[in-house]
Amino acid sequence: MSSKLTRDFYARSTLVVARQLIGMHLVHRLAGRRRVGRIVETEAYLGPRDLAAHSARGKTPGNAVMFGPPGHAHVYFVYGFWNCFNVVTREEGVPQAVLVRALEPVESIDDKTWGPGLLCRAMQIDRTLDGADLVGQRLWIERPAEAQPRPRVARAARVGVDYAGEWAQRLWRFFAADSLYVSTASATARKRALSELKLSG
């Protein structure tokens, strides 16, 4: 059986959580239907000192969840179009979180999932889930039900945070090295692989 991650899992070093989330399953239960995706890419944000973090400028109504207890969802809206799903880490009062950047579809996902906004759209995650308890019954992360080999995890600089100066160079993005669903994977290779998968199916 699958095993839902506990509060203690999230109440640790943000970098450790970001790495260990690779290979876990994100689950959203809505109207009796489960949508499930395997996490293949994450980014750690170590606010408030980290200038790339959503909490770098202090506590606001839009980021208050980051300052609360660990194991809650922080969902925010960017570019007037995309939602982004984050996992709050560390102890209460330390505003750090892990952004989930990409998923591999596992169950009831028919849309693109190789980017934080795309995966939220595919999983139907929006701002109504900001603050959702990740050890609850609506949105959570679990270990796969069947034993699977741990993915080979690589790391690199985070994406789209050049404005953060030296913080943009930190190797705080983690990803499954062999997954074509990672947001920075070759679009050509991904398209070819997905086409072959459809033909074989």
Protein backbone atom coordinates (compact mmCIF):
# COMPACT_ATOMS: atom_id res chain seq x y z
CA MET A 1 0.00 0.00 0.00
CA SER A 2 1.04 3.60 -0.54
CA SER A 3 2.26 5.56 2.46
CA LYS A 4 1.33 9.22 2.92
CA LEU A 5 4.23 11.42 3.98
CA THR A 6 4.00 12.60 7.59
CA ARG A 7 4.43 16.05 9.08
CA ASP A 8 7.89 15.06 10.28
CA PHE A 9 9.01 14.47 6.69
CA TYR A 10 8.43 18.14 5.87
CA ALA A 11 9.80 19.55 9.15
CA ARG A 12 13.41 19.11 8.04
CA SER A 13 16.09 20.78 5.95
CA THR A 14 14.48 22.21 2.83
CA LEU A 15 17.31 20.90 0.66
CA VAL A 16 16.84 17.38 2.03
CA VAL A 17 13.08 17.51 1.45
CA ALA A 18 13.54 18.85 -2.09
CA ARG A 19 15.81 15.96 -2.99
CA GLN A 20 13.78 13.25 -1.29
CA LEU A 21 10.53 14.35 -2.95
CA ILE A 22 11.90 13.11 -6.27
CA GLY A 23 10.08 9.85 -7.04
CA MET A 24 7.20 10.49 -4.61
CA HIS A 25 3.60 10.73 -5.84
CA LEU A 26 1.55 13.92 -5.65
CA VAL A 27 -2.14 13.11 -5.23
CA HIS A 28 -5.15 15.41 -5.62
CA ARG A 29 -8.55 13.94 -4.85
CA LEU A 30 -11.38 15.98 -6.32
CA ALA A 31 -15.02 14.92 -6.72
CA GLY A 32 -14.11 11.33 -5.90
CA ARG A 33 -11.40 11.13 -8.55
CA ARG A 34 -7.68 10.76 -7.85
CA ARG A 35 -5.14 12.53 -10.02
CA VAL A 36 -1.63 11.22 -9.40
CA GLY A 37 1.74 12.33 -10.71
CA ARG A 38 5.29 11.19 -9.92
CA ILE A 39 7.46 14.10 -8.83
CA VAL A 40 10.51 14.38 -11.10
CA GLU A 41 11.69 17.96 -10.49
CA THR A 42 11.78 20.29 -7.49
CA GLU A 43 13.41 23.54 -6.40
CA ALA A 44 14.31 24.55 -2.84
CA TYR A 45 13.69 28.12 -1.62
CA LEU A 46 15.40 29.08 1.62
CA GLY A 47 13.79 32.38 2.58
CA PRO A 48 13.93 34.97 3.86
CA ARG A 49 17.66 35.40 3.06
CA ASP A 50 17.30 33.66 -0.31
CA LEU A 51 16.39 36.54 -2.64
CA ALA A 52 14.69 34.14 -5.05
CA ALA A 53 12.24 32.96 -2.37
CA HIS A 54 8.64 34.12 -2.32
CA SER A 55 9.25 35.14 1.30
CA ALA A 56 12.36 37.28 0.67
CA ARG A 57 10.54 40.57 1.34
CA GLY A 58 8.88 39.44 4.53
CA LYS A 59 5.45 38.20 5.45
CA THR A 60 2.49 39.26 3.32
CA PRO A 61 -1.07 37.99 2.87
CA GLY A 62 0.14 36.21 -0.27
CA ASN A 63 2.94 34.22 1.36
CA ALA A 64 1.74 33.85 4.96
CA VAL A 65 1.43 30.07 4.59
CA MET A 66 5.22 29.84 4.23
CA PHE A 67 5.62 31.21 7.76
CA GLY A 68 3.28 28.63 9.24
CA PRO A 69 3.79 24.99 10.23
CA PRO A 70 5.38 22.53 7.78
CA GLY A 71 3.45 20.09 5.65
CA HIS A 72 1.06 22.58 4.07
CA ALA A 73 0.61 23.61 0.44
CA HIS A 74 1.57 27.09 -0.68
CA VAL A 75 -0.06 27.88 -4.01
CA TYR A 76 0.55 31.25 -5.60
CA PHE A 77 -0.35 32.89 -8.90
CA VAL A 78 2.30 34.20 -11.32
CA TYR A 79 2.34 36.08 -14.63
CA GLY A 80 -1.42 36.56 -14.38
CA PHE A 81 -1.95 33.02 -15.66
CA TRP A 82 -0.13 30.20 -13.82
CA ASN A 83 -0.51 28.62 -10.40
CA CYS A 84 2.58 27.19 -8.69
CA PHE A 85 2.46 24.45 -6.05
CA ASN A 86 4.94 24.50 -3.16
CA VAL A 87 5.46 22.36 -0.08
CA VAL A 88 6.13 24.29 3.17
CA THR A 89 9.14 22.96 5.09
CA ARG A 90 11.11 23.54 8.30
CA GLU A 91 9.63 24.66 11.61
CA GLU A 92 6.95 27.32 12.01
CA GLY A 93 8.33 30.82 11.54
CA VAL A 94 11.04 29.79 9.04
CA PRO A 95 9.57 30.72 5.62
CA GLN A 96 11.01 28.04 3.37
CA ALA A 97 9.39 25.80 0.78
CA VAL A 98 9.95 23.42 -2.12
CA LEU A 99 8.48 24.23 -5.52
CA VAL A 100 7.31 21.16 -7.45
CA ARG A 101 8.36 21.83 -11.05
CA ALA A 102 7.43 18.68 -13.00
CA LEU A 103 5.52 15.41 -12.78
CA GLU A 104 5.27 12.18 -14.72
CA PRO A 105 1.59 11.21 -15.15
CA VAL A 106 0.56 8.16 -13.14
CA GLU A 107 -3.23 8.25 -12.91
CA SER A 108 -6.02 10.36 -14.48
CA ILE A 109 -3.71 12.99 -16.00
CA ASP A 110 -4.17 13.81 -19.67
CA ASP A 111 -2.41 17.17 -19.96
CA LYS A 112 1.19 18.40 -20.01
CA THR A 113 3.04 18.29 -16.68
CA TRP A 114 6.62 19.46 -17.49
CA GLY A 115 6.54 22.84 -15.72
CA PRO A 116 5.10 24.21 -12.46
CA GLY A 117 2.17 25.96 -14.13
CA LEU A 118 1.42 23.08 -16.47
CA LEU A 119 1.36 20.50 -13.68
CA CYS A 120 -1.01 22.63 -11.61
CA ARG A 121 -3.38 22.89 -14.55
CA ALA A 122 -3.19 19.14 -15.19
CA MET A 123 -3.72 18.34 -11.50
CA GLN A 124 -6.41 21.04 -11.06
CA ILE A 125 -4.44 22.74 -8.29
CA ASP A 126 -5.24 26.41 -7.78
CA ARG A 127 -5.23 29.14 -5.14
CA THR A 128 -8.15 27.56 -3.30
CA LEU A 129 -5.61 24.98 -2.11
CA ASP A 130 -3.21 27.54 -0.63
CA GLY A 131 -2.75 26.41 2.96
CA ALA A 132 -4.14 22.91 2.36
CA ASP A 133 -2.86 20.37 4.89
CA LEU A 134 -0.70 17.84 3.06
CA VAL A 135 -1.43 15.17 5.63
CA GLY A 136 -5.15 15.64 5.00
CA GLN A 137 -7.58 13.92 2.65
CA ARG A 138 -7.70 16.25 -0.37
CA LEU A 139 -4.12 16.96 -1.44
CA TRP A 140 -1.10 14.99 -0.29
CA ILE A 141 2.20 13.34 -1.24
CA GLU A 142 2.81 9.63 -0.79
CA ARG A 143 5.41 6.97 -1.39
CA PRO A 144 4.57 4.77 -4.40
CA ALA A 145 2.44 1.74 -3.56
CA GLU A 146 4.80 -0.57 -5.40
CA ALA A 147 8.50 -0.69 -4.59
CA GLN A 148 10.43 1.18 -7.25
CA PRO A 149 14.15 1.84 -7.66
CA ARG A 150 15.14 5.29 -6.47
CA PRO A 151 15.65 7.60 -9.44
CA ARG A 152 19.12 8.95 -10.15
CA VAL A 153 18.89 12.52 -8.87
CA ALA A 154 20.86 15.34 -10.48
CA ARG A 155 21.03 18.98 -9.41
CA ALA A 156 21.43 22.32 -11.14
CA ALA A 157 20.73 26.02 -10.72
CA ARG A 158 17.11 27.07 -10.36
CA VAL A 159 15.16 28.33 -13.36
CA GLY A 160 14.05 31.91 -13.99
CA VAL A 161 15.59 33.54 -10.91
CA ASP A 162 18.39 35.61 -12.48
CA TYR A 163 17.12 38.66 -10.58
CA ALA A 164 18.30 37.05 -7.31
CA GLY A 165 22.00 37.74 -7.92
CA GLU A 166 24.33 35.24 -6.27
CA TRP A 167 21.34 33.23 -5.03
CA ALA A 168 20.50 32.35 -8.63
CA GLN A 169 23.69 30.29 -8.84
CA ARG A 170 22.82 27.92 -5.98
CA LEU A 171 22.37 24.33 -7.15
CA TRP A 172 19.00 23.99 -5.51
CA ARG A 173 17.05 22.40 -8.35
CA PHE A 174 16.77 18.61 -8.13
CA PHE A 175 15.49 16.33 -10.87
CA ALA A 176 15.24 12.73 -12.02
CA ALA A 177 18.17 12.59 -14.43
CA ASP A 178 16.53 10.08 -16.79
CA SER A 179 13.04 11.62 -16.98
CA LEU A 180 11.89 13.37 -20.14
CA TYR A 181 9.19 15.10 -18.10
CA VAL A 182 11.73 17.40 -16.44
CA SER A 183 10.94 20.96 -17.53
CA THR A 184 14.39 21.54 -19.04
CA ALA A 185 14.50 18.27 -21.00
CA SER A 186 14.83 18.46 -24.78
CA ALA A 187 11.41 19.19 -26.25
CA THR A 188 12.32 17.22 -29.38
CA ALA A 189 13.39 14.15 -27.42
CA ARG A 190 10.29 14.38 -25.23
CA LYS A 191 7.95 14.62 -28.22
CA ARG A 192 9.62 11.65 -29.90
CA ALA A 193 9.49 9.52 -26.74
CA LEU A 194 5.85 10.35 -26.03
CA SER A 195 4.88 9.57 -29.62
CA GLU A 196 6.59 6.19 -29.38
CA LEU A 197 4.86 5.53 -26.08
CA LYS A 198 1.45 6.25 -27.61
CA LEU A 199 2.19 3.94 -30.54
CA SER A 200 3.32 1.11 -28.27
CA GLY A 201 0.24 1.56 -26.10
